[in-house]
C-alpha atoms as a PDB file:
ATOM      1  CA  UNK A   1      19.039  28.247  16.477  1.00  0.00           C
ATOM      2  CA  UNK A   2      22.654  29.096  17.174  1.00  0.00           C
ATOM      3  CA  UNK A   3      22.072  32.530  15.575  1.00  0.00           C
ATOM      4  CA  UNK A   4      18.501  33.456  16.861  1.00  0.00           C
ATOM      5  CA  UNK A   5      17.953  37.306  17.151  1.00  0.00           C
ATOM      6  CA  UNK A   6      21.342  38.330  15.317  1.00  0.00           C
ATOM      7  CA  UNK A   7      21.394  40.407  12.284  1.00  0.00           C
ATOM      8  CA  UNK A   8      23.414  39.153   9.856  1.00  0.00           C
ATOM      9  CA  UNK A   9      24.304  41.352   6.604  1.00  0.00           C
ATOM     10  CA  UNK A  10      26.132  38.813   3.495  1.00  0.00           C
ATOM     11  CA  UNK A  11      27.399  40.500   0.341  1.00  0.00           C
ATOM     12  CA  UNK A  12      27.103  38.871  -3.024  1.00  0.00           C
ATOM     13  CA  UNK A  13      24.381  36.438  -1.777  1.00  0.00           C
ATOM     14  CA  UNK A  14      22.025  35.495  -4.337  1.00  0.00           C
ATOM     15  CA  UNK A  15      23.939  32.624  -5.570  1.00  0.00           C
ATOM     16  CA  UNK A  16      26.242  30.047  -4.785  1.00  0.00           C
ATOM     17  CA  UNK A  17      28.122  29.992  -1.463  1.00  0.00           C
ATOM     18  CA  UNK A  18      26.803  33.264  -0.617  1.00  0.00           C
ATOM     19  CA  UNK A  19      23.015  32.097  -1.265  1.00  0.00           C
ATOM     20  CA  UNK A  20      23.948  28.622   0.780  1.00  0.00           C
ATOM     21  CA  UNK A  21      25.046  31.030   3.921  1.00  0.00           C
ATOM     22  CA  UNK A  22      22.058  33.220   3.524  1.00  0.00           C
ATOM     23  CA  UNK A  23      20.160  29.860   3.856  1.00  0.00           C
ATOM     24  CA  UNK A  24      22.191  28.284   6.615  1.00  0.00           C
ATOM     25  CA  UNK A  25      21.763  31.412   8.442  1.00  0.00           C
ATOM     26  CA  UNK A  26      18.166  32.186   7.970  1.00  0.00           C
ATOM     27  CA  UNK A  27      17.357  28.514   9.222  1.00  0.00           C
ATOM     28  CA  UNK A  28      19.375  29.180  12.248  1.00  0.00           C
ATOM     29  CA  UNK A  29      17.293  32.105  13.120  1.00  0.00           C
ATOM     30  CA  UNK A  30      19.191  35.321  12.301  1.00  0.00           C
ATOM     31  CA  UNK A  31      17.676  38.069  10.520  1.00  0.00           C
ATOM     32  CA  UNK A  32      19.345  38.344   7.060  1.00  0.00           C
ATOM     33  CA  UNK A  33      20.240  41.245   5.218  1.00  0.00           C
ATOM     34  CA  UNK A  34      21.519  39.721   1.385  1.00  0.00           C
ATOM     35  CA  UNK A  35      23.298  42.587   0.191  1.00  0.00           C
ATOM     36  CA  UNK A  36      23.087  42.315  -3.739  1.00  0.00           C
ATOM     37  CA  UNK A  37      23.127  44.322  -7.159  1.00  0.00           C
ATOM     38  CA  UNK A  38      20.055  41.968  -8.697  1.00  0.00           C
ATOM     39  CA  UNK A  39      17.607  43.038  -6.303  1.00  0.00           C
ATOM     40  CA  UNK A  40      15.047  41.110  -8.252  1.00  0.00           C
ATOM     41  CA  UNK A  41      16.838  37.594  -7.538  1.00  0.00           C
ATOM     42  CA  UNK A  42      17.400  38.629  -4.177  1.00  0.00           C
ATOM     43  CA  UNK A  43      13.415  39.301  -3.900  1.00  0.00           C
ATOM     44  CA  UNK A  44      13.071  35.551  -5.492  1.00  0.00           C
ATOM     45  CA  UNK A  45      15.069  34.354  -2.628  1.00  0.00           C
ATOM     46  CA  UNK A  46      14.232  36.027   0.208  1.00  0.00           C
ATOM     47  CA  UNK A  47      10.622  35.158  -0.631  1.00  0.00           C
ATOM     48  CA  UNK A  48      11.115  31.397  -0.882  1.00  0.00           C
ATOM     49  CA  UNK A  49      13.353  31.696   2.704  1.00  0.00           C
ATOM     50  CA  UNK A  50      10.534  33.670   4.063  1.00  0.00           C
ATOM     51  CA  UNK A  51       7.561  31.704   2.968  1.00  0.00           C
ATOM     52  CA  UNK A  52       9.402  29.093   5.165  1.00  0.00           C
ATOM     53  CA  UNK A  53       9.321  30.961   8.157  1.00  0.00           C
ATOM     54  CA  UNK A  54      12.836  32.676   7.874  1.00  0.00           C
ATOM     55  CA  UNK A  55      13.569  36.525   8.148  1.00  0.00           C
ATOM     56  CA  UNK A  56      15.096  37.401   5.438  1.00  0.00           C
ATOM     57  CA  UNK A  57      15.184  40.993   3.601  1.00  0.00           C
ATOM     58  CA  UNK A  58      17.840  42.317   0.928  1.00  0.00           C
ATOM     59  CA  UNK A  59      19.315  45.661   0.582  1.00  0.00           C
ATOM     60  CA  UNK A  60      21.436  47.025  -2.529  1.00  0.00           C
ATOM     61  CA  UNK A  61      25.198  46.346  -3.087  1.00  0.00           C
ATOM     62  CA  UNK A  62      27.208  47.050  -5.689  1.00  0.00           C
ATOM     63  CA  UNK A  63      31.020  46.419  -5.161  1.00  0.00           C
ATOM     64  CA  UNK A  64      31.900  49.007  -8.145  1.00  0.00           C
ATOM     65  CA  UNK A  65      29.873  51.493  -6.394  1.00  0.00           C
ATOM     66  CA  UNK A  66      31.349  52.369  -2.954  1.00  0.00           C
ATOM     67  CA  UNK A  67      28.555  54.355  -1.895  1.00  0.00           C
ATOM     68  CA  UNK A  68      26.813  51.279  -1.688  1.00  0.00           C
ATOM     69  CA  UNK A  69      28.986  50.042   1.216  1.00  0.00           C
ATOM     70  CA  UNK A  70      27.608  52.783   3.150  1.00  0.00           C
ATOM     71  CA  UNK A  71      23.936  52.653   2.327  1.00  0.00           C
ATOM     72  CA  UNK A  72      23.520  48.545   2.434  1.00  0.00           C
ATOM     73  CA  UNK A  73      24.806  48.878   6.362  1.00  0.00           C
ATOM     74  CA  UNK A  74      22.997  52.236   7.023  1.00  0.00           C
ATOM     75  CA  UNK A  75      19.669  50.923   5.641  1.00  0.00           C
ATOM     76  CA  UNK A  76      20.117  47.401   7.711  1.00  0.00           C
ATOM     77  CA  UNK A  77      20.978  49.092  10.614  1.00  0.00           C
ATOM     78  CA  UNK A  78      17.942  51.368  10.263  1.00  0.00           C
ATOM     79  CA  UNK A  79      15.378  48.517   9.734  1.00  0.00           C
ATOM     80  CA  UNK A  80      17.193  46.213  12.330  1.00  0.00           C
ATOM     81  CA  UNK A  81      18.604  48.568  14.562  1.00  0.00           C
ATOM     82  CA  UNK A  82      22.055  46.838  14.731  1.00  0.00           C
ATOM     83  CA  UNK A  83      24.205  44.561  12.734  1.00  0.00           C
ATOM     84  CA  UNK A  84      25.841  41.518  14.533  1.00  0.00           C
ATOM     85  CA  UNK A  85      27.735  39.461  11.641  1.00  0.00           C
ATOM     86  CA  UNK A  86      28.914  40.758   8.584  1.00  0.00           C
ATOM     87  CA  UNK A  87      29.908  38.038   5.564  1.00  0.00           C
ATOM     88  CA  UNK A  88      32.221  39.539   3.066  1.00  0.00           C
ATOM     89  CA  UNK A  89      31.420  36.415   0.312  1.00  0.00           C
ATOM     90  CA  UNK A  90      31.967  39.071  -2.690  1.00  0.00           C
ATOM     91  CA  UNK A  91      35.328  38.183  -4.973  1.00  0.00           C
ATOM     92  CA  UNK A  92      35.712  38.354  -8.433  1.00  0.00           C
ATOM     93  CA  UNK A  93      38.241  37.330 -11.320  1.00  0.00           C
ATOM     94  CA  UNK A  94      38.891  37.140 -14.700  1.00  0.00           C
ATOM     95  CA  UNK A  95      39.871  33.729 -16.099  1.00  0.00           C
ATOM     96  CA  UNK A  96      40.221  34.758 -19.675  1.00  0.00           C
ATOM     97  CA  UNK A  97      42.703  37.808 -18.850  1.00  0.00           C
ATOM     98  CA  UNK A  98      43.721  37.144 -15.012  1.00  0.00           C
ATOM     99  CA  UNK A  99      46.518  34.721 -16.480  1.00  0.00           C
ATOM    100  CA  UNK A 100      50.407  34.142 -15.012  1.00  0.00           C
ATOM    101  CA  UNK A 101      52.971  36.443 -14.242  1.00  0.00           C
ATOM    102  CA  UNK A 102      54.470  36.931 -17.512  1.00  0.00           C
ATOM    103  CA  UNK A 103      50.710  37.365 -19.364  1.00  0.00           C
ATOM    104  CA  UNK A 104      48.387  38.859 -17.037  1.00  0.00           C
ATOM    105  CA  UNK A 105      47.888  42.892 -18.381  1.00  0.00           C
ATOM    106  CA  UNK A 106      49.239  45.316 -15.409  1.00  0.00           C
ATOM    107  CA  UNK A 107      45.567  46.964 -15.242  1.00  0.00           C
ATOM    108  CA  UNK A 108      43.732  43.823 -14.920  1.00  0.00           C
ATOM    109  CA  UNK A 109      45.890  42.767 -12.140  1.00  0.00           C
ATOM    110  CA  UNK A 110      45.421  45.963 -10.083  1.00  0.00           C
ATOM    111  CA  UNK A 111      41.541  46.300 -11.141  1.00  0.00           C
ATOM    112  CA  UNK A 112      41.311  42.808  -9.538  1.00  0.00           C
ATOM    113  CA  UNK A 113      42.998  43.006  -6.783  1.00  0.00           C
ATOM    114  CA  UNK A 114      41.551  46.635  -5.949  1.00  0.00           C
ATOM    115  CA  UNK A 115      37.843  45.736  -6.211  1.00  0.00           C
ATOM    116  CA  UNK A 116      38.523  42.304  -4.167  1.00  0.00           C
ATOM    117  CA  UNK A 117      40.504  44.353  -1.198  1.00  0.00           C
ATOM    118  CA  UNK A 118      38.071  47.350  -1.561  1.00  0.00           C
ATOM    119  CA  UNK A 119      34.945  44.737  -1.111  1.00  0.00           C
ATOM    120  CA  UNK A 120      36.553  43.654   2.408  1.00  0.00           C
ATOM    121  CA  UNK A 121      37.894  46.690   3.579  1.00  0.00           C
ATOM    122  CA  UNK A 122      35.279  49.205   3.071  1.00  0.00           C
ATOM    123  CA  UNK A 123      32.766  46.941   4.389  1.00  0.00           C
ATOM    124  CA  UNK A 124      34.493  45.957   7.129  1.00  0.00           C
ATOM    125  CA  UNK A 125      35.115  49.360   8.256  1.00  0.00           C
ATOM    126  CA  UNK A 126      31.664  50.175   8.045  1.00  0.00           C
ATOM    127  CA  UNK A 127      30.350  47.486   9.843  1.00  0.00           C
ATOM    128  CA  UNK A 128      32.978  47.736  12.547  1.00  0.00           C
ATOM    129  CA  UNK A 129      31.810  51.393  13.422  1.00  0.00           C
ATOM    130  CA  UNK A 130      28.327  50.153  14.035  1.00  0.00           C
ATOM    131  CA  UNK A 131      29.588  46.710  15.862  1.00  0.00           C
ATOM    132  CA  UNK A 132      31.651  48.686  18.355  1.00  0.00           C
ATOM    133  CA  UNK A 133      28.997  51.078  19.463  1.00  0.00           C
ATOM    134  CA  UNK A 134      26.637  47.529  19.907  1.00  0.00           C
ATOM    135  CA  UNK A 135      29.005  45.504  22.368  1.00  0.00           C
ATOM    136  CA  UNK A 136      30.736  43.794  19.350  1.00  0.00           C
ATOM    137  CA  UNK A 137      30.103  41.430  16.515  1.00  0.00           C
ATOM    138  CA  UNK A 138      31.738  38.837  14.032  1.00  0.00           C
ATOM    139  CA  UNK A 139      33.499  39.559  10.957  1.00  0.00           C
ATOM    140  CA  UNK A 140      33.440  36.379   8.219  1.00  0.00           C
ATOM    141  CA  UNK A 141      35.618  36.641   5.118  1.00  0.00           C
ATOM    142  CA  UNK A 142      35.425  34.285   2.228  1.00  0.00           C
ATOM    143  CA  UNK A 143      38.539  34.095   0.990  1.00  0.00           C
ATOM    144  CA  UNK A 144      40.424  31.186  -0.902  1.00  0.00           C
ATOM    145  CA  UNK A 145      43.158  28.575  -1.028  1.00  0.00           C
ATOM    146  CA  UNK A 146      44.563  30.467  -3.699  1.00  0.00           C
ATOM    147  CA  UNK A 147      45.811  32.970  -1.586  1.00  0.00           C
ATOM    148  CA  UNK A 148      48.143  30.123   0.321  1.00  0.00           C
ATOM    149  CA  UNK A 149      50.121  29.333  -2.444  1.00  0.00           C
ATOM    150  CA  UNK A 150      51.561  30.538  -5.754  1.00  0.00           C
ATOM    151  CA  UNK A 151      49.253  29.162  -8.323  1.00  0.00           C
ATOM    152  CA  UNK A 152      49.761  28.829 -12.308  1.00  0.00           C
ATOM    153  CA  UNK A 153      47.074  31.179 -13.339  1.00  0.00           C
ATOM    154  CA  UNK A 154      45.050  33.818 -11.962  1.00  0.00           C
ATOM    155  CA  UNK A 155      47.581  35.625 -10.247  1.00  0.00           C
ATOM    156  CA  UNK A 156      45.547  38.832  -9.669  1.00  0.00           C
ATOM    157  CA  UNK A 157      42.878  36.768  -7.735  1.00  0.00           C
ATOM    158  CA  UNK A 158      45.383  34.733  -5.596  1.00  0.00           C
ATOM    159  CA  UNK A 159      47.250  38.017  -4.627  1.00  0.00           C
ATOM    160  CA  UNK A 160      44.105  39.515  -3.417  1.00  0.00           C
ATOM    161  CA  UNK A 161      43.372  36.419  -1.467  1.00  0.00           C
ATOM    162  CA  UNK A 162      46.564  36.641   0.261  1.00  0.00           C
ATOM    163  CA  UNK A 163      45.996  40.152   1.096  1.00  0.00           C
ATOM    164  CA  UNK A 164      42.658  39.400   2.395  1.00  0.00           C
ATOM    165  CA  UNK A 165      43.853  36.798   4.721  1.00  0.00           C
ATOM    166  CA  UNK A 166      46.264  39.306   5.794  1.00  0.00           C
ATOM    167  CA  UNK A 167      43.622  42.147   6.578  1.00  0.00           C
ATOM    168  CA  UNK A 168      41.616  39.003   8.123  1.00  0.00           C
ATOM    169  CA  UNK A 169      44.237  38.921  10.756  1.00  0.00           C
ATOM    170  CA  UNK A 170      44.854  42.816  11.191  1.00  0.00           C
ATOM    171  CA  UNK A 171      41.069  43.367  11.509  1.00  0.00           C
ATOM    172  CA  UNK A 172      41.182  40.740  14.497  1.00  0.00           C
ATOM    173  CA  UNK A 173      43.712  42.139  16.610  1.00  0.00           C
ATOM    174  CA  UNK A 174      43.026  45.841  15.871  1.00  0.00           C
ATOM    175  CA  UNK A 175      39.034  45.481  16.815  1.00  0.00           C
ATOM    176  CA  UNK A 176      39.374  42.644  19.469  1.00  0.00           C
ATOM    177  CA  UNK A 177      39.559  46.052  21.828  1.00  0.00           C
ATOM    178  CA  UNK A 178      35.863  46.411  21.024  1.00  0.00           C
ATOM    179  CA  UNK A 179      34.724  42.621  20.865  1.00  0.00           C
ATOM    180  CA  UNK A 180      34.801  42.256  17.074  1.00  0.00           C
ATOM    181  CA  UNK A 181      35.862  38.800  15.995  1.00  0.00           C
ATOM    182  CA  UNK A 182      37.341  38.351  12.153  1.00  0.00           C
ATOM    183  CA  UNK A 183      37.743  35.356  10.764  1.00  0.00           C
ATOM    184  CA  UNK A 184      38.562  33.859   7.262  1.00  0.00           C
ATOM    185  CA  UNK A 185      37.240  30.813   5.517  1.00  0.00           C
ATOM    186  CA  UNK A 186      39.010  29.499   2.623  1.00  0.00           C
ATOM    187  CA  UNK A 187      37.408  27.086   0.341  1.00  0.00           C
ATOM    188  CA  UNK A 188      38.940  24.945  -2.054  1.00  0.00           C
ATOM    189  CA  UNK A 189      37.233  24.010  -5.205  1.00  0.00           C
ATOM    190  CA  UNK A 190      33.557  24.435  -4.521  1.00  0.00           C
ATOM    191  CA  UNK A 191      30.728  22.886  -6.862  1.00  0.00           C
ATOM    192  CA  UNK A 192      29.169  26.248  -7.870  1.00  0.00           C
ATOM    193  CA  UNK A 193      28.105  27.525 -10.970  1.00  0.00           C
ATOM    194  CA  UNK A 194      31.130  30.001 -11.442  1.00  0.00           C
ATOM    195  CA  UNK A 195      33.099  26.871 -11.177  1.00  0.00           C
ATOM    196  CA  UNK A 196      31.285  25.117 -13.582  1.00  0.00           C
ATOM    197  CA  UNK A 197      31.318  28.033 -15.839  1.00  0.00           C
ATOM    198  CA  UNK A 198      34.903  29.301 -15.361  1.00  0.00           C
ATOM    199  CA  UNK A 199      36.825  26.048 -15.213  1.00  0.00           C
ATOM    200  CA  UNK A 200      36.712  23.484 -17.914  1.00  0.00           C
ATOM    201  CA  UNK A 201      35.853  19.425 -17.008  1.00  0.00           C
ATOM    202  CA  UNK A 202      39.269  18.767 -17.571  1.00  0.00           C
ATOM    203  CA  UNK A 203      40.743  21.399 -15.423  1.00  0.00           C
ATOM    204  CA  UNK A 204      38.216  20.283 -12.615  1.00  0.00           C
ATOM    205  CA  UNK A 205      39.055  16.436 -13.121  1.00  0.00           C
ATOM    206  CA  UNK A 206      43.242  17.342 -12.858  1.00  0.00           C
ATOM    207  CA  UNK A 207      42.559  19.762  -9.478  1.00  0.00           C
ATOM    208  CA  UNK A 208      40.618  16.975  -8.042  1.00  0.00           C
ATOM    209  CA  UNK A 209      43.872  14.380  -8.427  1.00  0.00           C
ATOM    210  CA  UNK A 210      45.183  16.554  -5.974  1.00  0.00           C
ATOM    211  CA  UNK A 211      42.481  16.663  -3.285  1.00  0.00           C
ATOM    212  CA  UNK A 212      42.814  13.788  -0.664  1.00  0.00           C
ATOM    213  CA  UNK A 213      38.680  13.508  -0.593  1.00  0.00           C
ATOM    214  CA  UNK A 214      38.448  13.076  -4.419  1.00  0.00           C
ATOM    215  CA  UNK A 215      35.465  15.510  -4.688  1.00  0.00           C
ATOM    216  CA  UNK A 216      34.659  19.243  -4.770  1.00  0.00           C
ATOM    217  CA  UNK A 217      33.496  20.942  -1.900  1.00  0.00           C
ATOM    218  CA  UNK A 218      29.262  22.042  -1.418  1.00  0.00           C
ATOM    219  CA  UNK A 219      28.176  25.289  -0.500  1.00  0.00           C
ATOM    220  CA  UNK A 220      26.655  24.093   2.450  1.00  0.00           C
ATOM    221  CA  UNK A 221      29.875  22.737   3.449  1.00  0.00           C
ATOM    222  CA  UNK A 222      31.286  26.565   3.556  1.00  0.00           C
ATOM    223  CA  UNK A 223      27.881  27.563   4.976  1.00  0.00           C
ATOM    224  CA  UNK A 224      28.140  25.341   7.833  1.00  0.00           C
ATOM    225  CA  UNK A 225      31.482  26.965   8.620  1.00  0.00           C
ATOM    226  CA  UNK A 226      30.310  30.359   8.699  1.00  0.00           C
ATOM    227  CA  UNK A 227      27.277  29.451  11.337  1.00  0.00           C
ATOM    228  CA  UNK A 228      30.198  28.280  13.697  1.00  0.00           C
ATOM    229  CA  UNK A 229      32.257  31.655  13.036  1.00  0.00           C
ATOM    230  CA  UNK A 230      28.859  34.017  13.270  1.00  0.00           C
ATOM    231  CA  UNK A 231      27.700  32.349  16.627  1.00  0.00           C
ATOM    232  CA  UNK A 232      28.516  32.053  20.141  1.00  0.00           C
ATOM    233  CA  UNK A 233      30.547  28.955  19.834  1.00  0.00           C
ATOM    234  CA  UNK A 234      33.274  30.834  18.371  1.00  0.00           C
ATOM    235  CA  UNK A 235      33.050  33.496  20.840  1.00  0.00           C
ATOM    236  CA  UNK A 236      36.934  33.297  22.100  1.00  0.00           C
ATOM    237  CA  UNK A 237      37.969  32.928  18.045  1.00  0.00           C
ATOM    238  CA  UNK A 238      39.621  35.224  16.051  1.00  0.00           C
ATOM    239  CA  UNK A 239      42.327  36.011  13.323  1.00  0.00           C
ATOM    240  CA  UNK A 240      41.777  32.099  12.185  1.00  0.00           C
ATOM    241  CA  UNK A 241      42.346  31.452   8.633  1.00  0.00           C
ATOM    242  CA  UNK A 242      39.897  27.980   8.112  1.00  0.00           C
ATOM    243  CA  UNK A 243      40.773  26.032   5.237  1.00  0.00           C
ATOM    244  CA  UNK A 244      37.912  23.999   3.715  1.00  0.00           C
ATOM    245  CA  UNK A 245      39.291  22.145   0.826  1.00  0.00           C
ATOM    246  CA  UNK A 246      39.273  18.501   1.250  1.00  0.00           C
ATOM    247  CA  UNK A 247      42.985  18.009   2.114  1.00  0.00           C
ATOM    248  CA  UNK A 248      44.028  20.202  -0.882  1.00  0.00           C
ATOM    249  CA  UNK A 249      47.572  21.567  -0.045  1.00  0.00           C
ATOM    250  CA  UNK A 250      48.584  19.028   2.867  1.00  0.00           C
ATOM    251  CA  UNK A 251      50.727  16.637   0.610  1.00  0.00           C
ATOM    252  CA  UNK A 252      53.656  16.565  -1.443  1.00  0.00           C
ATOM    253  CA  UNK A 253      53.007  17.872  -5.127  1.00  0.00           C
ATOM    254  CA  UNK A 254      53.728  13.988  -6.185  1.00  0.00           C
ATOM    255  CA  UNK A 255      50.962  12.879  -4.411  1.00  0.00           C
ATOM    256  CA  UNK A 256      48.482  13.697  -7.466  1.00  0.00           C
ATOM    257  CA  UNK A 257      50.747  11.441  -9.728  1.00  0.00           C
ATOM    258  CA  UNK A 258      50.961   8.450  -7.248  1.00  0.00           C
ATOM    259  CA  UNK A 259      47.474   8.688  -5.682  1.00  0.00           C
ATOM    260  CA  UNK A 260      45.614   6.800  -8.348  1.00  0.00           C
ATOM    261  CA  UNK A 261      44.137   3.302  -9.244  1.00  0.00           C
ATOM    262  CA  UNK A 262      47.003   2.214 -11.294  1.00  0.00           C
ATOM    263  CA  UNK A 263      49.858   2.810  -9.016  1.00  0.00           C
ATOM    264  CA  UNK A 264      48.708   3.382  -5.770  1.00  0.00           C
ATOM    265  CA  UNK A 265      50.638   2.304  -2.707  1.00  0.00           C
ATOM    266  CA  UNK A 266      52.992   0.540  -5.279  1.00  0.00           C
ATOM    267  CA  UNK A 267      56.289   0.420  -3.410  1.00  0.00           C
ATOM    268  CA  UNK A 268      58.178  -0.251  -6.829  1.00  0.00           C
ATOM    269  CA  UNK A 269      56.530   2.465  -8.380  1.00  0.00           C
END
């Protein structure tokens, strides 16, 4: 029960990584507020967890509606009295239009950057105001390995995540005086519905050739790291960019070509 008594607000929390974090926090004793656009789905998930002895509530949140950043925070504070943890899990892309540098329309590029950065900036700004008067707190940004190195596609998504990594460090430095920590988790390819829907099987297989662990991550593995950053175990940790990618990005680009069953460790290759 590492989070017993802590109040956590989690955006985009009805499926995938967000739902896994919700479940992990609730089972560690947190009072969780699911911030979601689909309140019917949020209620469904909250009811299941509450039937297991957890305390999970839900508030309306739509990343496209600036007022909802204020109302979701105010509603959680009105009901719980304070917020200890904010998880900025929302993030979006448009794989059909967010392409390479030459073929991505400027409006698409800036729309994706705008909403992804706004989701972190505005939610963090609102939560930090309240955390500062309550002795501190923890802000956790769910970023991506796509923000570390240039990719061949989804350039707006990657650029937005790179900016979120920078913003994480900036918030950490600025809010340390208020005992507010801010850290980012960078998932690699993770087995979620969104990955299955947006990425072809061929691309997933190609990508996994470059993962030393040879598998996708799970939402639960991202959730476990989130528990660490939310808990007092990380009380002296801030401004960190934690990659959870099975080793993706650690090796030479030749790794994927050399590390297969036909020529692995062959000195004559």
